[in-house]
């Protein structure tokens, strides 16, 4: 199966470099995506531009793909299910829930000169970054790609309720599945609460398992694709 890999904020397709060979060895065709504004130098990119890139990958896939969104990009994966419910086999969300219709995509941190730069490690201290050593943190910060303002503040639009029939796997790296399930049940994600088929998978890592547990993450994604 084709597995489309969408990295979260400040990351480009290279975030999946250690996951790609593992998925290939497990018999799948991983397709890491470079999003407009996150790796191509287009600082004026919009959320719609990023969604168009994801949908182009869905349309080009061999058969119906598994669409994987990491962190904020869980929303992009869900938008793909909304726009192509008949073409997306399943959605996997790693360490994130989709933003609701009418909400900003990822307006979480300060905008400076038209972009949202990586804010440093302060907001991520604790379980998110506990498995990243100092060298990894320095490399992440130096490689981080500022997210265009029109992406971060882009408004999410969900229009097709057939998305709820697309199976969803919530991969829980920095918190137990029971916690994610409780958050969804108490209103953290109204959309996921309405999903017809929703599964949870535990992954013992921080917020960036593609960097710290690539083999284990590949195994989780391969199992999601196979099931």
Foldseek 3Di string as FASTA:
>chain_A
DEEEEEEDAQAAQCLQVLQQVLLVVVPYHYDYHGAQQRPPPRLVDAQVSRLVRVLVCLVPDDAAYEYEYAALRLQSQLQSCLVCVVRHQAYEYANYDHDDAFAFSALDADDDPQWAADPACVVPPDLQCPQPDPVNSVVSNVSGRTGGPNHRRPGDHGDHLSSLARAYEYEYARDDPVVVVVCVVVPVYVSPVSRPHYHYHYHHGHRSCSVVPSNVVSVVVSVVVVD
